[in-house]
Amino acid sequence: MSFNVVTGACGLIGRRLVATLRGAGHWVRGVDLDLTVGGLDIDEFYKTDLRDPGACEAALELGPDDDDPQIWHLAANHGGVAYSATSPAALLADNVRIDANVSTAASRFGYQRLLYASSVAVYPSGVTGCATVEADAYPANPPSEYGWSKLIGERIVAAADGVNGLSTRIARLENCYGPGEIDPSRASVIPSLCLRAAAAAPGEPLEVWGRGEIERSFIWVDEAVEALAMVMAAGHPTPVNVSTGEYVTIQHLAGLVCQIASKGLVPQMVPGPDGAPRDRLDATVLRSLGWQPTITLREGVSHLYRWIDQMLVDEVP
């Protein structure tokens, strides 16, 4: 049984990761700024602002009996394209502080492993027609401050590798989705579309920001957790792309949500943030570790839509 700390434990991926680790018999401490544990099945929970160095150290300090200590670092200030466009300074400043504090504490206290959840947002924008391999993050030119924050975070984590025996890993995630707490002001594209579709009256238009021509790939939350576990176990020395390889335009995604809703909804493009164009990710390294996706986009969106629709029904007094 290993000692595990999950930062961002109350988030979408964090909750699933905690459940997976606990199910495997490991001891888990969760760390999050969330106000409530919200039914999280966990051994220990710290409500902590990781931007504060002292608070971060207190939350990550090890005891004398903590065996095989490792950190799954998921905590970040993040949100969908609309939130990222309106809060760039906070995203950059908060995430750099968090990543620096967590990496410093991990090396100081003698953790054995640290996995950093990075993002596809680190890659430069533009479409070249070539698959994006991990080395293509340089020369660095992320299209957003969030992307810069994650790339800087990678550098901070990599710099801590080998300090006091710490071994680090980095996973660059595509867009993750699945059932969980949803903040409409921060929700990413799939939950946002599902929320609007579930709340819409039959025959209404489903508003979609931008031109809808941007391509994206999405990963079901449970499969993202499986990928993170493989990256942690493998100890690959450089970043690893995490992608299903199933790409669709946002307009196609909106049409899929309309089909699943079965209300006669029709996508309607409206002015709004569109997101930066990107090439498709090459996930050869991850596939070599044995990871393969099994949930198709249609299956995943269907699951999420039904969950959101039921959530809205349950909220009606």
C-alpha atoms as a PDB file:
ATOM      1  CA  MET A   1       0.000   0.000   0.000  1.00  0.00           C
ATOM      2  CA  SER A   2       1.454   3.373  -1.019  1.00  0.00           C
ATOM      3  CA  PHE A   3       0.866   6.853   0.399  1.00  0.00           C
ATOM      4  CA  ASN A   4      -0.748   9.078  -2.246  1.00  0.00           C
ATOM      5  CA  VAL A   5      -1.518  12.779  -2.306  1.00  0.00           C
ATOM      6  CA  VAL A   6      -3.987  13.969  -4.940  1.00  0.00           C
ATOM      7  CA  THR A   7      -4.066  17.734  -5.438  1.00  0.00           C
ATOM      8  CA  GLY A   8      -7.275  18.973  -7.021  1.00  0.00           C
ATOM      9  CA  ALA A   9      -8.979  15.979  -5.418  1.00  0.00           C
ATOM     10  CA  CYS A  10     -12.475  17.460  -5.721  1.00  0.00           C
ATOM     11  CA  GLY A  11     -12.179  18.091  -9.456  1.00  0.00           C
ATOM     12  CA  LEU A  12     -13.517  15.937 -12.257  1.00  0.00           C
ATOM     13  CA  ILE A  13     -10.353  13.849 -12.696  1.00  0.00           C
ATOM     14  CA  GLY A  14      -9.345  14.086  -9.043  1.00  0.00           C
ATOM     15  CA  ARG A  15     -12.501  12.420  -7.750  1.00  0.00           C
ATOM     16  CA  ARG A  16     -12.140   9.505 -10.160  1.00  0.00           C
ATOM     17  CA  LEU A  17      -8.452   9.152  -9.373  1.00  0.00           C
ATOM     18  CA  VAL A  18      -9.108   9.102  -5.629  1.00  0.00           C
ATOM     19  CA  ALA A  19     -11.747   6.382  -6.093  1.00  0.00           C
ATOM     20  CA  THR A  20      -9.379   4.349  -8.278  1.00  0.00           C
ATOM     21  CA  LEU A  21      -6.501   4.549  -5.806  1.00  0.00           C
ATOM     22  CA  ARG A  22      -8.735   3.728  -2.853  1.00  0.00           C
ATOM     23  CA  GLY A  23     -10.230   0.819  -4.780  1.00  0.00           C
ATOM     24  CA  ALA A  24      -6.736  -0.562  -5.281  1.00  0.00           C
ATOM     25  CA  GLY A  25      -6.131  -0.438  -1.520  1.00  0.00           C
ATOM     26  CA  HIS A  26      -3.878   2.630  -1.378  1.00  0.00           C
ATOM     27  CA  TRP A  27      -3.926   5.322   1.307  1.00  0.00           C
ATOM     28  CA  VAL A  28      -5.016   8.693  -0.127  1.00  0.00           C
ATOM     29  CA  ARG A  29      -4.832  12.266   1.105  1.00  0.00           C
ATOM     30  CA  GLY A  30      -6.848  14.764  -0.925  1.00  0.00           C
ATOM     31  CA  VAL A  31      -5.925  18.439  -1.208  1.00  0.00           C
ATOM     32  CA  ASP A  32      -8.268  21.021  -2.684  1.00  0.00           C
ATOM     33  CA  LEU A  33      -9.561  24.566  -2.286  1.00  0.00           C
ATOM     34  CA  ASP A  34     -13.105  23.219  -2.613  1.00  0.00           C
ATOM     35  CA  LEU A  35     -15.366  24.215   0.270  1.00  0.00           C
ATOM     36  CA  THR A  36     -16.678  20.712   0.901  1.00  0.00           C
ATOM     37  CA  VAL A  37     -15.453  17.165   0.469  1.00  0.00           C
ATOM     38  CA  GLY A  38     -18.838  16.441  -1.133  1.00  0.00           C
ATOM     39  CA  GLY A  39     -19.021  12.733  -0.397  1.00  0.00           C
ATOM     40  CA  LEU A  40     -15.431  12.042  -1.424  1.00  0.00           C
ATOM     41  CA  ASP A  41     -14.370   8.623  -0.095  1.00  0.00           C
ATOM     42  CA  ILE A  42     -10.901   9.403   1.161  1.00  0.00           C
ATOM     43  CA  ASP A  43      -8.565   8.700   4.061  1.00  0.00           C
ATOM     44  CA  GLU A  44      -7.640  12.317   4.759  1.00  0.00           C
ATOM     45  CA  PHE A  45      -8.621  15.692   3.304  1.00  0.00           C
ATOM     46  CA  TYR A  46      -6.939  19.093   3.464  1.00  0.00           C
ATOM     47  CA  LYS A  47      -8.887  22.183   2.435  1.00  0.00           C
ATOM     48  CA  THR A  48      -5.874  24.193   1.316  1.00  0.00           C
ATOM     49  CA  ASP A  49      -4.918  27.081  -0.945  1.00  0.00           C
ATOM     50  CA  LEU A  50      -1.832  25.716  -2.692  1.00  0.00           C
ATOM     51  CA  ARG A  51      -0.876  29.227  -3.832  1.00  0.00           C
ATOM     52  CA  ASP A  52       0.281  29.799  -0.235  1.00  0.00           C
ATOM     53  CA  PRO A  53       3.731  28.193   0.272  1.00  0.00           C
ATOM     54  CA  GLY A  54       3.191  27.571   3.984  1.00  0.00           C
ATOM     55  CA  ALA A  55      -0.239  26.058   3.472  1.00  0.00           C
ATOM     56  CA  CYS A  56       1.092  23.890   0.669  1.00  0.00           C
ATOM     57  CA  GLU A  57       3.911  22.543   2.838  1.00  0.00           C
ATOM     58  CA  ALA A  58       1.500  21.771   5.674  1.00  0.00           C
ATOM     59  CA  ALA A  59      -0.771  19.833   3.305  1.00  0.00           C
ATOM     60  CA  LEU A  60       2.071  17.826   1.730  1.00  0.00           C
ATOM     61  CA  GLU A  61       4.203  17.123   4.819  1.00  0.00           C
ATOM     62  CA  LEU A  62       4.939  13.441   5.311  1.00  0.00           C
ATOM     63  CA  GLY A  63       4.716  11.443   8.497  1.00  0.00           C
ATOM     64  CA  PRO A  64       7.374   8.947   9.630  1.00  0.00           C
ATOM     65  CA  ASP A  65       5.244   5.964   8.562  1.00  0.00           C
ATOM     66  CA  ASP A  66       4.170   7.207   5.113  1.00  0.00           C
ATOM     67  CA  ASP A  67       5.354   4.473   2.760  1.00  0.00           C
ATOM     68  CA  ASP A  68       6.196   4.889  -0.942  1.00  0.00           C
ATOM     69  CA  PRO A  69       4.944   8.511  -1.094  1.00  0.00           C
ATOM     70  CA  GLN A  70       3.775   9.917  -4.416  1.00  0.00           C
ATOM     71  CA  ILE A  71       1.898  13.018  -5.578  1.00  0.00           C
ATOM     72  CA  TRP A  72      -0.674  13.192  -8.351  1.00  0.00           C
ATOM     73  CA  HIS A  73      -0.645  16.917  -9.078  1.00  0.00           C
ATOM     74  CA  LEU A  74      -3.923  17.871 -10.781  1.00  0.00           C
ATOM     75  CA  ALA A  75      -4.690  21.173  -9.043  1.00  0.00           C
ATOM     76  CA  ALA A  76      -4.918  24.207 -11.324  1.00  0.00           C
ATOM     77  CA  ASN A  77      -6.907  27.328 -12.043  1.00  0.00           C
ATOM     78  CA  HIS A  78      -8.624  26.411 -15.295  1.00  0.00           C
ATOM     79  CA  GLY A  79     -11.880  26.500 -17.238  1.00  0.00           C
ATOM     80  CA  GLY A  80     -13.349  26.466 -20.705  1.00  0.00           C
ATOM     81  CA  VAL A  81     -12.346  28.773 -23.536  1.00  0.00           C
ATOM     82  CA  ALA A  82     -14.620  31.597 -22.325  1.00  0.00           C
ATOM     83  CA  TYR A  83     -13.184  31.559 -18.794  1.00  0.00           C
ATOM     84  CA  SER A  84      -9.620  31.340 -20.095  1.00  0.00           C
ATOM     85  CA  ALA A  85     -10.213  34.353 -22.332  1.00  0.00           C
ATOM     86  CA  THR A  86     -11.528  36.511 -19.478  1.00  0.00           C
ATOM     87  CA  SER A  87      -9.084  35.513 -16.707  1.00  0.00           C
ATOM     88  CA  PRO A  88      -5.631  35.197 -18.319  1.00  0.00           C
ATOM     89  CA  ALA A  89      -3.604  36.932 -15.605  1.00  0.00           C
ATOM     90  CA  ALA A  90      -5.128  34.899 -12.773  1.00  0.00           C
ATOM     91  CA  LEU A  91      -4.627  31.650 -14.671  1.00  0.00           C
ATOM     92  CA  LEU A  92      -0.956  32.336 -15.298  1.00  0.00           C
ATOM     93  CA  ALA A  93      -0.103  33.679 -11.844  1.00  0.00           C
ATOM     94  CA  ASP A  94      -2.087  31.110  -9.863  1.00  0.00           C
ATOM     95  CA  ASN A  95      -0.839  28.069 -11.736  1.00  0.00           C
ATOM     96  CA  VAL A  96       2.822  29.063 -11.625  1.00  0.00           C
ATOM     97  CA  ARG A  97       2.546  29.628  -7.860  1.00  0.00           C
ATOM     98  CA  ILE A  98       0.776  26.310  -7.312  1.00  0.00           C
ATOM     99  CA  ASP A  99       3.224  24.300  -9.409  1.00  0.00           C
ATOM    100  CA  ALA A 100       6.271  25.908  -7.806  1.00  0.00           C
ATOM    101  CA  ASN A 101       4.968  25.314  -4.285  1.00  0.00           C
ATOM    102  CA  VAL A 102       3.964  21.681  -4.909  1.00  0.00           C
ATOM    103  CA  SER A 103       7.254  20.806  -6.641  1.00  0.00           C
ATOM    104  CA  THR A 104       9.316  22.465  -3.906  1.00  0.00           C
ATOM    105  CA  ALA A 105       7.435  20.672  -1.129  1.00  0.00           C
ATOM    106  CA  ALA A 106       7.603  17.330  -2.937  1.00  0.00           C
ATOM    107  CA  SER A 107      11.381  17.460  -3.257  1.00  0.00           C
ATOM    108  CA  ARG A 108      11.868  18.859   0.242  1.00  0.00           C
ATOM    109  CA  PHE A 109       9.841  16.134   1.958  1.00  0.00           C
ATOM    110  CA  GLY A 110      11.345  13.262   0.004  1.00  0.00           C
ATOM    111  CA  TYR A 111       8.450  12.111  -2.159  1.00  0.00           C
ATOM    112  CA  GLN A 112       9.466   9.354  -4.548  1.00  0.00           C
ATOM    113  CA  ARG A 113       7.253  10.268  -7.525  1.00  0.00           C
ATOM    114  CA  LEU A 114       5.294  13.262  -8.786  1.00  0.00           C
ATOM    115  CA  LEU A 115       2.956  13.164 -11.780  1.00  0.00           C
ATOM    116  CA  TYR A 116       2.033  16.535 -13.286  1.00  0.00           C
ATOM    117  CA  ALA A 117      -1.199  16.853 -15.265  1.00  0.00           C
ATOM    118  CA  SER A 118      -0.301  19.212 -18.097  1.00  0.00           C
ATOM    119  CA  SER A 119      -2.347  20.098 -21.165  1.00  0.00           C
ATOM    120  CA  VAL A 120      -2.441  20.043 -24.951  1.00  0.00           C
ATOM    121  CA  ALA A 121      -2.704  23.834 -24.567  1.00  0.00           C
ATOM    122  CA  VAL A 122       1.108  23.977 -24.320  1.00  0.00           C
ATOM    123  CA  TYR A 123       1.434  23.476 -28.093  1.00  0.00           C
ATOM    124  CA  PRO A 124       1.636  26.388 -30.546  1.00  0.00           C
ATOM    125  CA  SER A 125      -1.518  27.182 -32.496  1.00  0.00           C
ATOM    126  CA  GLY A 126      -1.810  26.642 -36.220  1.00  0.00           C
ATOM    127  CA  VAL A 127      -2.445  23.711 -38.500  1.00  0.00           C
ATOM    128  CA  THR A 128       0.489  22.237 -40.418  1.00  0.00           C
ATOM    129  CA  GLY A 129      -1.101  18.920 -41.331  1.00  0.00           C
ATOM    130  CA  CYS A 130       1.520  17.037 -39.307  1.00  0.00           C
ATOM    131  CA  ALA A 131       0.816  15.020 -36.169  1.00  0.00           C
ATOM    132  CA  THR A 132       2.058  16.823 -33.057  1.00  0.00           C
ATOM    133  CA  VAL A 133       4.686  14.879 -31.139  1.00  0.00           C
ATOM    134  CA  GLU A 134       5.812  15.803 -27.656  1.00  0.00           C
ATOM    135  CA  ALA A 135       8.947  17.642 -28.865  1.00  0.00           C
ATOM    136  CA  ASP A 136       6.769  20.061 -30.875  1.00  0.00           C
ATOM    137  CA  ALA A 137       6.051  22.124 -27.756  1.00  0.00           C
ATOM    138  CA  TYR A 138       9.302  23.915 -28.622  1.00  0.00           C
ATOM    139  CA  PRO A 139      10.032  26.536 -29.884  1.00  0.00           C
ATOM    140  CA  ALA A 140       7.487  27.585 -27.283  1.00  0.00           C
ATOM    141  CA  ASN A 141       4.519  29.692 -28.360  1.00  0.00           C
ATOM    142  CA  PRO A 142       1.324  28.597 -26.574  1.00  0.00           C
ATOM    143  CA  PRO A 143      -1.749  30.517 -27.806  1.00  0.00           C
ATOM    144  CA  SER A 144      -3.045  31.378 -24.313  1.00  0.00           C
ATOM    145  CA  GLU A 145      -1.820  32.311 -20.852  1.00  0.00           C
ATOM    146  CA  TYR A 146      -3.247  29.025 -19.595  1.00  0.00           C
ATOM    147  CA  GLY A 147      -1.028  27.217 -22.095  1.00  0.00           C
ATOM    148  CA  TRP A 148       1.972  29.216 -20.936  1.00  0.00           C
ATOM    149  CA  SER A 149       1.151  28.415 -17.301  1.00  0.00           C
ATOM    150  CA  LYS A 150       1.134  24.676 -18.039  1.00  0.00           C
ATOM    151  CA  LEU A 151       4.351  24.818 -20.053  1.00  0.00           C
ATOM    152  CA  ILE A 152       6.075  26.776 -17.285  1.00  0.00           C
ATOM    153  CA  GLY A 153       4.655  24.232 -14.834  1.00  0.00           C
ATOM    154  CA  GLU A 154       6.265  21.458 -16.840  1.00  0.00           C
ATOM    155  CA  ARG A 155       9.615  23.223 -16.609  1.00  0.00           C
ATOM    156  CA  ILE A 156       9.243  23.669 -12.853  1.00  0.00           C
ATOM    157  CA  VAL A 157       8.350  20.009 -12.346  1.00  0.00           C
ATOM    158  CA  ALA A 158      11.158  18.802 -14.619  1.00  0.00           C
ATOM    159  CA  ALA A 159      13.658  20.958 -12.721  1.00  0.00           C
ATOM    160  CA  ALA A 160      12.662  19.182  -9.488  1.00  0.00           C
ATOM    161  CA  ASP A 161      13.386  15.760 -10.982  1.00  0.00           C
ATOM    162  CA  GLY A 162      16.225  14.068  -9.111  1.00  0.00           C
ATOM    163  CA  VAL A 163      16.152  16.512  -6.188  1.00  0.00           C
ATOM    164  CA  ASN A 164      16.230  14.498  -2.953  1.00  0.00           C
ATOM    165  CA  GLY A 165      15.308  11.371  -4.912  1.00  0.00           C
ATOM    166  CA  LEU A 166      12.152  12.755  -6.542  1.00  0.00           C
ATOM    167  CA  SER A 167      11.191  11.216  -9.910  1.00  0.00           C
ATOM    168  CA  THR A 168       8.768  13.259 -12.015  1.00  0.00           C
ATOM    169  CA  ARG A 169       6.368  12.462 -14.872  1.00  0.00           C
ATOM    170  CA  ILE A 170       4.347  14.763 -17.153  1.00  0.00           C
ATOM    171  CA  ALA A 171       1.111  13.900 -18.974  1.00  0.00           C
ATOM    172  CA  ARG A 172      -0.303  16.309 -21.579  1.00  0.00           C
ATOM    173  CA  LEU A 173      -4.056  15.768 -21.551  1.00  0.00           C
ATOM    174  CA  GLU A 174      -6.553  16.478 -24.304  1.00  0.00           C
ATOM    175  CA  ASN A 175      -9.983  17.769 -23.232  1.00  0.00           C
ATOM    176  CA  CYS A 176     -11.362  15.557 -20.453  1.00  0.00           C
ATOM    177  CA  TYR A 177     -15.090  15.199 -19.774  1.00  0.00           C
ATOM    178  CA  GLY A 178     -17.528  13.128 -17.727  1.00  0.00           C
ATOM    179  CA  PRO A 179     -20.119  13.349 -14.922  1.00  0.00           C
ATOM    180  CA  GLY A 180     -19.236  15.641 -12.038  1.00  0.00           C
ATOM    181  CA  GLU A 181     -19.904  19.002 -10.494  1.00  0.00           C
ATOM    182  CA  ILE A 182     -20.391  21.591 -13.243  1.00  0.00           C
ATOM    183  CA  ASP A 183     -19.803  25.326 -12.886  1.00  0.00           C
ATOM    184  CA  PRO A 184     -21.425  26.919 -15.972  1.00  0.00           C
ATOM    185  CA  SER A 185     -18.966  29.819 -15.840  1.00  0.00           C
ATOM    186  CA  ARG A 186     -15.998  27.432 -16.211  1.00  0.00           C
ATOM    187  CA  ALA A 187     -17.439  24.425 -18.024  1.00  0.00           C
ATOM    188  CA  SER A 188     -15.642  23.188 -21.117  1.00  0.00           C
ATOM    189  CA  VAL A 189     -17.329  22.648 -24.468  1.00  0.00           C
ATOM    190  CA  ILE A 190     -18.991  19.238 -24.035  1.00  0.00           C
ATOM    191  CA  PRO A 191     -20.671  19.889 -20.654  1.00  0.00           C
ATOM    192  CA  SER A 192     -21.595  23.408 -21.825  1.00  0.00           C
ATOM    193  CA  LEU A 193     -23.353  22.060 -24.931  1.00  0.00           C
ATOM    194  CA  CYS A 194     -25.039  19.287 -22.954  1.00  0.00           C
ATOM    195  CA  LEU A 195     -26.248  21.742 -20.319  1.00  0.00           C
ATOM    196  CA  ARG A 196     -27.740  24.058 -22.936  1.00  0.00           C
ATOM    197  CA  ALA A 197     -29.312  21.171 -24.840  1.00  0.00           C
ATOM    198  CA  ALA A 198     -30.827  19.616 -21.715  1.00  0.00           C
ATOM    199  CA  ALA A 199     -32.307  22.966 -20.673  1.00  0.00           C
ATOM    200  CA  ALA A 200     -33.624  23.838 -24.155  1.00  0.00           C
ATOM    201  CA  ALA A 201     -37.227  23.471 -25.241  1.00  0.00           C
ATOM    202  CA  PRO A 202     -37.920  21.134 -28.184  1.00  0.00           C
ATOM    203  CA  GLY A 203     -37.107  22.717 -31.543  1.00  0.00           C
ATOM    204  CA  GLU A 204     -34.978  25.531 -30.122  1.00  0.00           C
ATOM    205  CA  PRO A 205     -31.580  26.383 -31.633  1.00  0.00           C
ATOM    206  CA  LEU A 206     -28.495  25.202 -29.758  1.00  0.00           C
ATOM    207  CA  GLU A 207     -26.082  28.112 -29.635  1.00  0.00           C
ATOM    208  CA  VAL A 208     -22.452  27.299 -30.459  1.00  0.00           C
ATOM    209  CA  TRP A 209     -19.702  29.903 -30.086  1.00  0.00           C
ATOM    210  CA  GLY A 210     -17.495  30.791 -33.017  1.00  0.00           C
ATOM    211  CA  ARG A 211     -17.477  29.258 -36.468  1.00  0.00           C
ATOM    212  CA  GLY A 212     -17.338  25.686 -35.205  1.00  0.00           C
ATOM    213  CA  GLU A 213     -14.490  24.734 -37.534  1.00  0.00           C
ATOM    214  CA  ILE A 214     -11.890  24.080 -34.816  1.00  0.00           C
ATOM    215  CA  GLU A 215     -11.034  20.395 -34.387  1.00  0.00           C
ATOM    216  CA  ARG A 216     -10.753  18.854 -30.935  1.00  0.00           C
ATOM    217  CA  SER A 217     -10.360  15.424 -29.352  1.00  0.00           C
ATOM    218  CA  PHE A 218     -12.002  14.502 -26.048  1.00  0.00           C
ATOM    219  CA  ILE A 219     -11.223  11.847 -23.461  1.00  0.00           C
ATOM    220  CA  TRP A 220     -13.657  10.185 -21.054  1.00  0.00           C
ATOM    221  CA  VAL A 221     -12.618  10.830 -17.439  1.00  0.00           C
ATOM    222  CA  ASP A 222     -12.158   7.174 -16.427  1.00  0.00           C
ATOM    223  CA  GLU A 223      -9.890   6.584 -19.410  1.00  0.00           C
ATOM    224  CA  ALA A 224      -7.894   9.705 -18.550  1.00  0.00           C
ATOM    225  CA  VAL A 225      -7.319   8.270 -15.068  1.00  0.00           C
ATOM    226  CA  GLU A 226      -6.137   4.982 -16.599  1.00  0.00           C
ATOM    227  CA  ALA A 227      -3.695   6.901 -18.791  1.00  0.00           C
ATOM    228  CA  LEU A 228      -2.348   8.883 -15.840  1.00  0.00           C
ATOM    229  CA  ALA A 229      -1.807   5.668 -13.879  1.00  0.00           C
ATOM    230  CA  MET A 230       0.168   4.196 -16.782  1.00  0.00           C
ATOM    231  CA  VAL A 231       2.323   7.312 -17.120  1.00  0.00           C
ATOM    232  CA  MET A 232       2.995   7.300 -13.378  1.00  0.00           C
ATOM    233  CA  ALA A 233       3.956   3.627 -13.387  1.00  0.00           C
ATOM    234  CA  ALA A 234       6.122   3.847 -16.493  1.00  0.00           C
ATOM    235  CA  GLY A 235       8.216   6.783 -15.379  1.00  0.00           C
ATOM    236  CA  HIS A 236       8.746   8.047 -18.914  1.00  0.00           C
ATOM    237  CA  PRO A 237      11.449  10.741 -18.657  1.00  0.00           C
ATOM    238  CA  THR A 238       9.745  13.323 -20.914  1.00  0.00           C
ATOM    239  CA  PRO A 239       6.127  14.532 -21.409  1.00  0.00           C
ATOM    240  CA  VAL A 240       3.565  12.085 -22.790  1.00  0.00           C
ATOM    241  CA  ASN A 241       0.591  13.031 -24.993  1.00  0.00           C
ATOM    242  CA  VAL A 242      -2.756  11.673 -23.785  1.00  0.00           C
ATOM    243  CA  SER A 243      -5.240  11.561 -26.660  1.00  0.00           C
ATOM    244  CA  THR A 244      -7.854   9.158 -28.032  1.00  0.00           C
ATOM    245  CA  GLY A 245      -7.064  10.150 -31.628  1.00  0.00           C
ATOM    246  CA  GLU A 246     -10.790  10.660 -32.344  1.00  0.00           C
ATOM    247  CA  TYR A 247     -11.099  14.245 -33.658  1.00  0.00           C
ATOM    248  CA  VAL A 248     -14.231  16.200 -34.573  1.00  0.00           C
ATOM    249  CA  THR A 249     -15.063  19.828 -35.314  1.00  0.00           C
ATOM    250  CA  ILE A 250     -17.007  21.744 -32.674  1.00  0.00           C
ATOM    251  CA  GLN A 251     -19.876  22.045 -35.159  1.00  0.00           C
ATOM    252  CA  HIS A 252     -19.959  18.254 -35.577  1.00  0.00           C
ATOM    253  CA  LEU A 253     -19.865  17.882 -31.787  1.00  0.00           C
ATOM    254  CA  ALA A 254     -22.837  20.233 -31.445  1.00  0.00           C
ATOM    255  CA  GLY A 255     -24.733  18.197 -34.031  1.00  0.00           C
ATOM    256  CA  LEU A 256     -23.961  15.037 -32.062  1.00  0.00           C
ATOM    257  CA  VAL A 257     -25.337  16.601 -28.871  1.00  0.00           C
ATOM    258  CA  CYS A 258     -28.503  17.603 -30.751  1.00  0.00           C
ATOM    259  CA  GLN A 259     -28.950  14.025 -32.004  1.00  0.00           C
ATOM    260  CA  ILE A 260     -28.494  12.609 -28.506  1.00  0.00           C
ATOM    261  CA  ALA A 261     -30.930  15.122 -26.983  1.00  0.00           C
ATOM    262  CA  SER A 262     -33.642  14.000 -29.472  1.00  0.00           C
ATOM    263  CA  LYS A 263     -35.522  17.309 -29.195  1.00  0.00           C
ATOM    264  CA  GLY A 264     -35.245  18.533 -32.756  1.00  0.00           C
ATOM    265  CA  LEU A 265     -32.517  20.992 -31.786  1.00  0.00           C
ATOM    266  CA  VAL A 266     -30.337  22.521 -34.501  1.00  0.00           C
ATOM    267  CA  PRO A 267     -26.837  24.002 -33.939  1.00  0.00           C
ATOM    268  CA  GLN A 268     -26.712  27.788 -34.421  1.00  0.00           C
ATOM    269  CA  MET A 269     -23.323  29.474 -34.633  1.00  0.00           C
ATOM    270  CA  VAL A 270     -23.070  32.710 -32.629  1.00  0.00           C
ATOM    271  CA  PRO A 271     -20.186  35.153 -32.034  1.00  0.00           C
ATOM    272  CA  GLY A 272     -17.901  34.040 -29.233  1.00  0.00           C
ATOM    273  CA  PRO A 273     -14.480  32.617 -28.350  1.00  0.00           C
ATOM    274  CA  ASP A 274     -13.496  29.943 -30.841  1.00  0.00           C
ATOM    275  CA  GLY A 275     -10.303  28.465 -29.424  1.00  0.00           C
ATOM    276  CA  ALA A 276      -6.967  28.194 -31.212  1.00  0.00           C
ATOM    277  CA  PRO A 277      -6.550  25.804 -34.151  1.00  0.00           C
ATOM    278  CA  ARG A 278      -4.224  22.891 -33.386  1.00  0.00           C
ATOM    279  CA  ASP A 279      -2.775  19.900 -35.162  1.00  0.00           C
ATOM    280  CA  ARG A 280      -3.773  16.429 -34.030  1.00  0.00           C
ATOM    281  CA  LEU A 281      -1.712  14.851 -31.274  1.00  0.00           C
ATOM    282  CA  ASP A 282       0.556  11.876 -31.839  1.00  0.00           C
ATOM    283  CA  ALA A 283      -0.058   9.482 -28.913  1.00  0.00           C
ATOM    284  CA  THR A 284       2.451   6.825 -29.970  1.00  0.00           C
ATOM    285  CA  VAL A 285       4.314   6.977 -26.659  1.00  0.00           C
ATOM    286  CA  LEU A 286       1.147   6.421 -24.623  1.00  0.00           C
ATOM    287  CA  ARG A 287       0.062   3.557 -26.890  1.00  0.00           C
ATOM    288  CA  SER A 288       3.470   1.938 -26.351  1.00  0.00           C
ATOM    289  CA  LEU A 289       2.679   1.846 -22.620  1.00  0.00           C
ATOM    290  CA  GLY A 290      -0.388  -0.275 -23.384  1.00  0.00           C
ATOM    291  CA  TRP A 291      -3.175   2.337 -23.201  1.00  0.00           C
ATOM    292  CA  GLN A 292      -6.074   2.156 -25.641  1.00  0.00           C
ATOM    293  CA  PRO A 293      -9.377   4.090 -25.438  1.00  0.00           C
ATOM    294  CA  THR A 294     -12.568   2.032 -25.372  1.00  0.00           C
ATOM    295  CA  ILE A 295     -15.282   4.717 -24.969  1.00  0.00           C
ATOM    296  CA  THR A 296     -16.214   6.418 -28.249  1.00  0.00           C
ATOM    297  CA  LEU A 297     -17.158  10.074 -28.292  1.00  0.00           C
ATOM    298  CA  ARG A 298     -20.811   9.230 -29.015  1.00  0.00           C
ATOM    299  CA  GLU A 299     -20.935   6.828 -26.073  1.00  0.00           C
ATOM    300  CA  GLY A 300     -19.289   9.288 -23.711  1.00  0.00           C
ATOM    301  CA  VAL A 301     -21.446  12.258 -24.732  1.00  0.00           C
ATOM    302  CA  SER A 302     -24.564  10.080 -24.398  1.00  0.00           C
ATOM    303  CA  HIS A 303     -23.568   9.119 -20.842  1.00  0.00           C
ATOM    304  CA  LEU A 304     -22.827  12.722 -19.898  1.00  0.00           C
ATOM    305  CA  TYR A 305     -26.002  14.106 -21.479  1.00  0.00           C
ATOM    306  CA  ARG A 306     -28.179  11.630 -19.577  1.00  0.00           C
ATOM    307  CA  TRP A 307     -26.416  12.513 -16.328  1.00  0.00           C
ATOM    308  CA  ILE A 308     -26.876  16.260 -16.880  1.00  0.00           C
ATOM    309  CA  ASP A 309     -30.492  15.844 -17.957  1.00  0.00           C
ATOM    310  CA  GLN A 310     -31.250  13.869 -14.799  1.00  0.00           C
ATOM    311  CA  MET A 311     -29.400  16.426 -12.689  1.00  0.00           C
ATOM    312  CA  LEU A 312     -31.623  19.197 -14.046  1.00  0.00           C
ATOM    313  CA  VAL A 313     -34.738  17.098 -13.381  1.00  0.00           C
ATOM    314  CA  ASP A 314     -33.619  16.483  -9.784  1.00  0.00           C
ATOM    315  CA  GLU A 315     -33.136  20.225  -9.232  1.00  0.00           C
ATOM    316  CA  VAL A 316     -36.775  21.009 -10.062  1.00  0.00           C
ATOM    317  CA  PRO A 317     -38.669  21.444  -6.757  1.00  0.00           C
END
